[in-house]
Protein backbone atom coordinates (compact mmCIF):
# COMPACT_ATOMS: atom_id res chain seq x y z
CA MET A 1 4.28 86.98 -117.07
CA LEU A 2 5.03 90.54 -116.01
CA ILE A 3 2.62 92.03 -118.57
CA ASP A 4 -0.08 90.80 -120.93
CA VAL A 5 -1.69 91.77 -124.23
CA SER A 6 -3.81 94.48 -122.55
CA TYR A 7 -0.76 96.81 -122.60
CA PHE A 8 -0.99 96.85 -126.41
CA THR A 9 -4.74 97.36 -126.98
CA SER A 10 -4.85 101.18 -126.77
CA GLY A 11 -2.76 104.30 -126.37
CA PRO A 12 0.70 104.89 -127.83
CA ARG A 13 1.52 101.14 -127.80
CA HIS A 14 -1.67 100.16 -129.66
CA ILE A 15 -1.18 97.23 -132.00
CA ARG A 16 -3.88 96.60 -134.58
CA ASN A 17 -6.05 93.55 -133.73
CA ALA A 18 -4.55 93.11 -130.25
CA SER A 19 -7.44 92.14 -128.00
CA SER A 20 -7.95 91.11 -124.42
CA ALA A 21 -11.52 89.98 -125.11
CA GLU A 22 -12.60 86.54 -123.92
CA MET A 23 -13.56 85.54 -127.47
CA PRO A 24 -11.08 87.32 -129.77
CA SER A 25 -11.31 87.11 -133.55
CA PRO A 26 -8.96 84.79 -135.46
CA ASP A 27 -6.84 87.83 -136.42
CA SER A 28 -6.67 88.86 -132.77
CA LEU A 29 -5.62 85.36 -131.73
CA ALA A 30 -2.64 85.52 -134.11
CA VAL A 31 -1.67 89.01 -132.96
CA ASN A 32 -2.04 88.07 -129.29
CA GLU A 33 0.11 84.97 -129.81
CA MET A 34 2.81 87.11 -131.43
CA ILE A 35 2.72 89.65 -128.58
CA ASN A 36 2.87 86.92 -125.94
CA GLY A 37 5.84 85.43 -127.78
CA TYR A 38 7.70 88.74 -127.54
CA ILE A 39 6.79 89.11 -123.88
CA GLY A 40 8.07 85.63 -123.11
CA SER A 41 11.22 86.13 -125.16
CA PHE A 42 12.25 89.43 -123.61
CA GLN A 43 10.98 89.22 -120.01
CA THR A 44 14.04 87.53 -118.48
CA GLU A 45 16.47 89.70 -120.45
CA PHE A 46 14.72 92.90 -119.36
CA LEU A 47 14.49 91.85 -115.73
CA ARG A 48 18.15 90.83 -115.65
CA ASP A 49 19.16 94.22 -117.10
CA ILE A 50 16.88 96.29 -114.85
CA VAL A 51 17.39 94.57 -111.45
CA GLY A 52 20.30 92.13 -111.80
CA ALA A 53 20.43 88.38 -112.36
CA THR A 54 19.64 87.18 -108.83
CA LEU A 55 16.63 89.43 -108.29
CA ALA A 56 15.43 88.78 -111.87
CA GLN A 57 15.27 85.04 -111.15
CA ALA A 58 13.38 85.70 -107.90
CA ILE A 59 10.85 87.84 -109.80
CA VAL A 60 10.39 85.18 -112.50
CA ASP A 61 9.85 82.54 -109.79
CA TYR A 62 7.37 84.83 -108.02
CA LEU A 63 5.42 85.48 -111.23
CA GLU A 64 5.25 81.76 -111.97
CA LEU A 65 3.97 81.13 -108.45
CA ILE A 66 1.27 83.81 -108.88
CA GLU A 67 0.21 82.32 -112.24
CA GLN A 68 0.01 78.87 -110.65
CA GLU A 69 -2.12 80.24 -107.79
CA GLU A 70 -4.43 81.93 -110.30
CA GLU A 71 -4.83 78.67 -112.22
CA ASP A 72 -5.57 76.81 -108.99
CA ASP A 73 -8.07 79.50 -107.94
CA SER A 74 -9.85 79.28 -111.29
CA ASP A 75 -10.23 75.53 -110.76
CA GLU A 76 -11.94 76.15 -107.41
CA THR A 77 -15.26 77.93 -107.27
CA ASN A 78 -15.88 80.70 -104.74
CA SER A 79 -12.23 80.99 -103.65
CA PRO A 80 -11.74 84.26 -101.70
CA GLU A 81 -7.99 83.87 -101.11
CA LYS A 82 -6.91 86.08 -104.02
CA GLU A 83 -9.11 88.96 -102.89
CA GLY A 84 -7.68 88.77 -99.38
CA ARG A 85 -4.04 88.48 -100.48
CA SER A 86 -2.01 91.49 -99.40
CA GLN A 87 0.40 93.20 -101.75
CA SER A 88 3.92 91.87 -101.26
CA LYS A 89 7.19 93.68 -101.89
CA TYR A 90 7.45 91.72 -105.16
CA ASP A 91 4.02 93.00 -106.23
CA ILE A 92 5.21 96.56 -105.67
CA LEU A 93 8.41 95.91 -107.62
CA CYS A 94 6.53 94.28 -110.50
CA ASP A 95 4.06 97.19 -110.64
CA LYS A 96 6.96 99.60 -111.09
CA LEU A 97 8.46 97.50 -113.89
CA ARG A 98 5.35 96.79 -115.99
CA GLU A 99 5.10 100.04 -117.97
CA PRO A 100 8.81 100.25 -118.88
CA PHE A 101 8.77 96.58 -119.86
CA ALA A 102 5.75 97.17 -122.11
CA ASP A 103 7.71 99.96 -123.85
CA TYR A 104 10.71 97.61 -124.17
CA VAL A 105 8.56 94.92 -125.79
CA PHE A 106 6.90 97.46 -128.08
CA TYR A 107 10.33 98.72 -129.19
CA HIS A 108 11.31 95.18 -130.18
CA ILE A 109 7.98 94.51 -131.92
CA LEU A 110 8.46 97.67 -133.99
CA ARG A 111 12.00 96.61 -134.85
CA ASP A 112 10.65 93.44 -136.47
CA ALA A 113 7.39 94.88 -137.83
CA ASN A 114 7.93 94.93 -141.59
CA THR A 115 9.62 91.60 -142.14
CA GLN A 116 9.05 87.94 -141.50
CA THR A 117 11.61 85.15 -141.49
CA THR A 118 11.26 82.33 -143.99
CA ILE A 119 13.53 79.41 -144.78
CA THR A 120 15.08 81.45 -147.60
CA GLY A 121 15.59 84.65 -145.58
CA LEU A 122 13.68 87.75 -144.56
CA VAL A 123 10.72 88.89 -146.64
CA ARG A 124 8.94 92.23 -146.58
CA LEU A 125 5.29 91.78 -145.60
CA LYS A 126 2.64 93.01 -148.04
CA CYS A 127 -0.82 94.37 -147.31
CA ASP A 128 -3.36 96.94 -148.46
CA ASN A 129 -1.94 99.56 -146.11
CA GLU A 130 1.12 101.60 -147.01
CA TYR A 131 4.14 100.86 -144.84
CA VAL A 132 6.06 103.63 -143.15
CA SER A 133 9.30 103.38 -141.26
CA PRO A 134 8.79 102.47 -137.60
CA LEU A 135 11.98 104.33 -136.65
CA LYS A 136 10.33 107.37 -135.00
CA ARG A 137 7.98 105.16 -132.98
CA GLN A 138 10.90 102.94 -131.95
CA VAL A 139 12.83 105.97 -130.70
CA SER A 140 9.74 107.22 -128.90
CA ALA A 141 9.07 103.83 -127.27
CA TRP A 142 12.69 103.41 -126.17
CA ASN A 143 12.94 106.94 -124.75
CA SER A 144 9.63 106.51 -122.94
CA MET A 145 11.06 103.37 -121.36
CA VAL A 146 14.25 105.24 -120.40
CA GLU A 147 12.26 107.96 -118.60
CA LYS A 148 10.26 105.34 -116.69
CA ASN A 149 13.47 103.48 -115.85
CA LYS A 150 14.98 106.70 -114.46
CA GLN A 151 11.93 107.05 -112.20
CA PHE A 152 12.42 103.41 -111.18
CA VAL A 153 16.08 104.09 -110.33
CA GLU A 154 15.03 107.03 -108.14
CA TRP A 155 12.69 104.71 -106.26
CA ALA A 156 15.30 101.92 -106.12
CA MET A 157 17.84 104.31 -104.55
CA SER A 158 15.35 105.52 -101.93
CA ASN A 159 14.66 103.94 -98.57
CA ASP A 160 11.29 102.74 -99.91
CA CYS A 161 12.92 100.01 -102.00
CA PRO A 162 13.62 96.79 -100.06
CA PHE A 163 15.82 95.34 -102.84
CA ASP A 164 19.41 95.67 -104.00
CA VAL A 165 18.93 96.62 -107.65
CA LYS A 166 21.69 96.46 -110.29
CA ILE A 167 20.56 98.24 -113.46
CA THR A 168 22.40 98.11 -116.79
CA LYS A 169 23.34 101.59 -118.01
CA ASN A 170 21.99 100.78 -121.49
CA LEU A 171 18.40 100.91 -120.15
CA LEU A 172 19.00 104.49 -118.98
CA THR A 173 20.47 105.78 -122.25
CA PRO A 174 18.11 107.61 -124.63
CA ILE A 175 18.47 107.09 -128.38
CA ASN A 176 17.71 109.15 -131.47
CA ALA A 177 16.82 108.34 -135.06
CA PHE A 178 20.49 108.53 -136.07
CA ASN A 179 21.57 105.91 -133.51
CA LEU A 180 23.84 108.46 -131.80
């Protein structure tokens, strides 16, 4: 995957009980599973909208290859190949897309934060804490992503970018709390 749970353990995208520890608590396991579900659900959509369908598929294939290599390396002891691997053009592209994608995922997590789907419909979640509207944080997360995407477009239009990128205008459009 392009990102992992560590993007949600501190800072403005902090999610309570998100943990990248080797032995997370049961609460952290549930939160991490939810975050990974959002990452998996939105990764292809985001990549398609930020770079175009063809390049998005190439990135997904590349990420799967890297994950497979990491699994193979963890099976072997004392494998120095990963340390000696040079950074490819796909690594550079992925590095530029990680932060905006984390904002994109956070925006969608906030959108769904106060409700859960049941067989009879949506229910408002209850807890000891008082709920507040996530609207301001959603706007902030989306606009943060937009600013990072604009920086990405600047790089993509420069001679430093080896790819032909086709970005959807929606990912460059800021929003406000009134949806205007």
